[in-house]
Amino acid sequence: MTKTNLARLIIIILVFLFFVLYFMQASGYNEYTRNRENMLTEEQIKEYEEDIEAGKDVTIKDYLNKDKVNYDNKVSDLGLDLSELIGDVFNKGMNAFFEMLNEAVSS
């Protein structure tokens, strides 16, 4: 692989990643997930209002989702371990790639 082909590949990958991130931002994906996590359900709001009218001492933590289901199992643990391994390999590969690119540019 020549330096020209390597540079083209790098540029194509970077442009692709830019467009993916841009369209995620433009579609509001991150804002949607943050808002969904922070919103109280209608039932929780009614319960909160009833407790305030009754004069109870209330905090917001009392009304957040209490029934979190634990989905941990061996398969999900394996998937998490595998994704962490892929992330580590990717980080090391990118570091090596940029070191190689730095050497090619400085030569």
Protein backbone atom coordinates (compact mmCIF):
# COMPACT_ATOMS: atom_id res chain seq x y z
CA MET A 1 0.00 0.00 0.00
CA THR A 2 1.51 3.28 -1.07
CA LYS A 3 1.43 6.50 0.92
CA THR A 4 -1.12 7.98 -1.49
CA ASN A 5 -3.50 5.06 -1.09
CA LEU A 6 -3.04 5.17 2.68
CA ALA A 7 -3.81 8.88 2.77
CA ARG A 8 -6.95 8.38 0.64
CA LEU A 9 -8.14 5.60 2.94
CA ILE A 10 -7.60 7.76 6.00
CA ILE A 11 -9.48 10.68 4.45
CA ILE A 12 -12.39 8.45 3.42
CA ILE A 13 -12.66 6.97 6.92
CA LEU A 14 -12.52 10.40 8.57
CA VAL A 15 -15.17 11.83 6.22
CA PHE A 16 -17.42 8.83 6.88
CA LEU A 17 -17.05 9.22 10.66
CA PHE A 18 -17.74 12.94 10.36
CA PHE A 19 -20.99 12.33 8.51
CA VAL A 20 -22.12 9.66 10.97
CA LEU A 21 -21.53 11.98 13.92
CA TYR A 22 -23.06 14.94 12.09
CA PHE A 23 -26.28 13.11 11.28
CA MET A 24 -26.53 11.78 14.83
CA GLN A 25 -26.30 15.36 16.09
CA ALA A 26 -28.69 16.70 13.44
CA SER A 27 -31.31 14.07 14.20
CA GLY A 28 -31.27 14.93 17.90
CA TYR A 29 -30.39 11.42 18.97
CA ASN A 30 -28.31 12.48 21.97
CA GLU A 31 -30.86 15.03 23.19
CA TYR A 32 -33.64 12.45 22.86
CA THR A 33 -31.81 9.87 24.96
CA ARG A 34 -30.92 12.46 27.63
CA ASN A 35 -34.50 13.74 27.81
CA ARG A 36 -35.91 10.24 27.99
CA GLU A 37 -33.68 9.43 30.95
CA ASN A 38 -34.62 12.63 32.79
CA MET A 39 -38.36 12.73 32.27
CA LEU A 40 -40.76 11.59 34.94
CA THR A 41 -43.73 9.53 33.93
CA GLU A 42 -47.28 10.84 34.32
CA GLU A 43 -47.88 8.48 37.25
CA GLN A 44 -44.81 9.72 39.06
CA ILE A 45 -45.84 13.35 38.53
CA LYS A 46 -49.35 12.68 39.89
CA GLU A 47 -47.92 10.84 42.89
CA TYR A 48 -45.54 13.76 43.52
CA GLU A 49 -48.35 16.32 43.33
CA GLU A 50 -50.55 14.27 45.67
CA ASP A 51 -47.74 14.02 48.22
CA ILE A 52 -47.13 17.77 48.07
CA GLU A 53 -50.85 18.45 48.63
CA ALA A 54 -50.82 16.04 51.57
CA GLY A 55 -47.90 17.99 53.06
CA LYS A 56 -45.39 15.15 52.96
CA ASP A 57 -41.64 15.76 52.90
CA VAL A 58 -40.69 14.90 49.31
CA THR A 59 -37.49 14.56 47.32
CA ILE A 60 -37.17 13.82 43.62
CA LYS A 61 -35.28 10.59 44.32
CA ASP A 62 -38.44 9.10 45.81
CA TYR A 63 -40.19 9.34 42.44
CA LEU A 64 -37.56 8.13 40.01
CA ASN A 65 -37.91 4.69 38.44
CA LYS A 66 -37.55 2.27 41.31
CA ASP A 67 -38.17 -0.94 39.44
CA LYS A 68 -34.95 -1.22 37.45
CA VAL A 69 -34.70 -4.70 36.01
CA ASN A 70 -31.30 -6.34 36.15
CA TYR A 71 -30.61 -8.03 32.84
CA ASP A 72 -27.12 -9.24 33.70
CA ASN A 73 -26.36 -12.77 32.61
CA LYS A 74 -23.41 -14.67 31.19
CA VAL A 75 -24.18 -13.70 27.61
CA SER A 76 -24.42 -9.97 28.38
CA ASP A 77 -21.24 -10.16 30.48
CA LEU A 78 -19.49 -11.86 27.57
CA GLY A 79 -20.75 -9.16 25.21
CA LEU A 80 -19.49 -6.44 27.54
CA ASP A 81 -16.08 -8.09 27.87
CA LEU A 82 -15.89 -8.56 24.11
CA SER A 83 -16.79 -4.92 23.44
CA GLU A 84 -14.15 -3.74 25.93
CA LEU A 85 -11.57 -5.97 24.23
CA ILE A 86 -12.52 -4.59 20.80
CA GLY A 87 -12.28 -1.05 22.19
CA ASP A 88 -8.81 -1.70 23.61
CA VAL A 89 -7.59 -3.27 20.36
CA PHE A 90 -9.06 -0.37 18.38
CA ASN A 91 -7.36 2.20 20.64
CA LYS A 92 -4.00 0.47 20.34
CA GLY A 93 -4.44 0.13 16.58
CA MET A 94 -5.34 3.81 16.18
CA ASN A 95 -2.38 4.87 18.32
CA ALA A 96 -0.04 2.73 16.21
CA PHE A 97 -1.66 4.05 13.03
CA PHE A 98 -1.18 7.69 14.02
CA GLU A 99 2.40 7.02 15.09
CA MET A 100 3.04 5.46 11.68
CA LEU A 101 1.31 8.40 9.99
CA ASN A 102 3.41 10.82 12.04
CA GLU A 103 6.61 9.04 10.96
CA ALA A 104 5.49 9.07 7.31
CA VAL A 105 4.73 12.79 7.39
CA SER A 106 7.88 13.76 9.25
CA SER A 107 10.12 11.72 6.92
